[in-house]
Amino acid sequence: MNFEELLLQARAGEERAVIGILELYKPLLIKASILNGSFDEDLYQELCITLLKCIKQFGI
């Protein structure tokens, strides 16, 4: 499945597609969640929420 199909399914509420996108971007989310050399769990969760919101707004 390509990214466009994954995104369309995620926008339609398909849970497996949403999880797939979160897993795809997990390394980047983790990297962005490191502050002062420590992993910030709250920041990671906020970034995940932001990504979920962006899925719904992303235009294809």
Protein backbone atom coordinates (compact mmCIF):
# COMPACT_ATOMS: atom_id res chain seq x y z
CA MET A 1 0.00 0.00 0.00
CA ASN A 2 1.40 3.40 -0.93
CA PHE A 3 1.29 6.45 1.31
CA GLU A 4 -1.64 8.06 -0.53
CA GLU A 5 -3.81 4.99 0.01
CA LEU A 6 -2.72 4.81 3.64
CA LEU A 7 -3.56 8.48 4.14
CA LEU A 8 -6.98 8.15 2.49
CA GLN A 9 -7.83 5.18 4.68
CA ALA A 10 -6.63 7.02 7.80
CA ARG A 11 -8.76 10.03 6.90
CA ALA A 12 -11.73 7.68 6.56
CA GLY A 13 -11.13 6.49 10.13
CA GLU A 14 -9.47 3.16 9.39
CA GLU A 15 -7.61 2.43 12.64
CA ARG A 16 -4.97 0.20 11.02
CA ALA A 17 -4.07 2.99 8.59
CA VAL A 18 -3.77 5.55 11.39
CA ILE A 19 -1.49 3.18 13.30
CA GLY A 20 0.51 2.61 10.13
CA ILE A 21 1.13 6.34 9.72
CA LEU A 22 2.06 6.73 13.38
CA GLU A 23 4.53 3.83 13.05
CA LEU A 24 5.95 5.31 9.85
CA TYR A 25 6.70 8.61 11.57
CA LYS A 26 7.59 7.18 14.99
CA PRO A 27 11.38 7.61 14.61
CA LEU A 28 10.93 11.26 13.66
CA LEU A 29 8.47 11.85 16.51
CA ILE A 30 10.87 10.27 18.99
CA LYS A 31 13.77 12.35 17.69
CA ALA A 32 11.71 15.54 17.98
CA SER A 33 10.71 14.57 21.54
CA ILE A 34 14.23 14.69 22.93
CA LEU A 35 14.87 17.85 24.94
CA ASN A 36 18.19 18.53 26.63
CA GLY A 37 19.25 14.95 25.96
CA SER A 38 16.16 13.38 27.57
CA PHE A 39 13.05 11.87 26.03
CA ASP A 40 9.96 13.91 26.90
CA GLU A 41 6.90 11.61 26.93
CA ASP A 42 4.45 14.52 27.12
CA LEU A 43 5.99 16.15 24.07
CA TYR A 44 5.87 12.84 22.21
CA GLN A 45 2.15 12.51 22.95
CA GLU A 46 1.51 16.09 21.84
CA LEU A 47 3.38 15.47 18.59
CA CYS A 48 1.33 12.33 17.98
CA ILE A 49 -1.88 14.28 18.55
CA THR A 50 -0.69 16.97 16.15
CA LEU A 51 0.10 14.34 13.52
CA LEU A 52 -3.38 12.85 13.93
CA LYS A 53 -4.93 16.28 13.42
CA CYS A 54 -2.79 16.84 10.33
CA ILE A 55 -3.98 13.57 8.80
CA LYS A 56 -7.51 14.95 8.68
CA GLN A 57 -6.39 18.31 7.24
CA PHE A 58 -3.86 17.08 4.67
CA GLY A 59 -5.09 17.70 1.13
CA ILE A 60 -4.58 15.11 -1.58
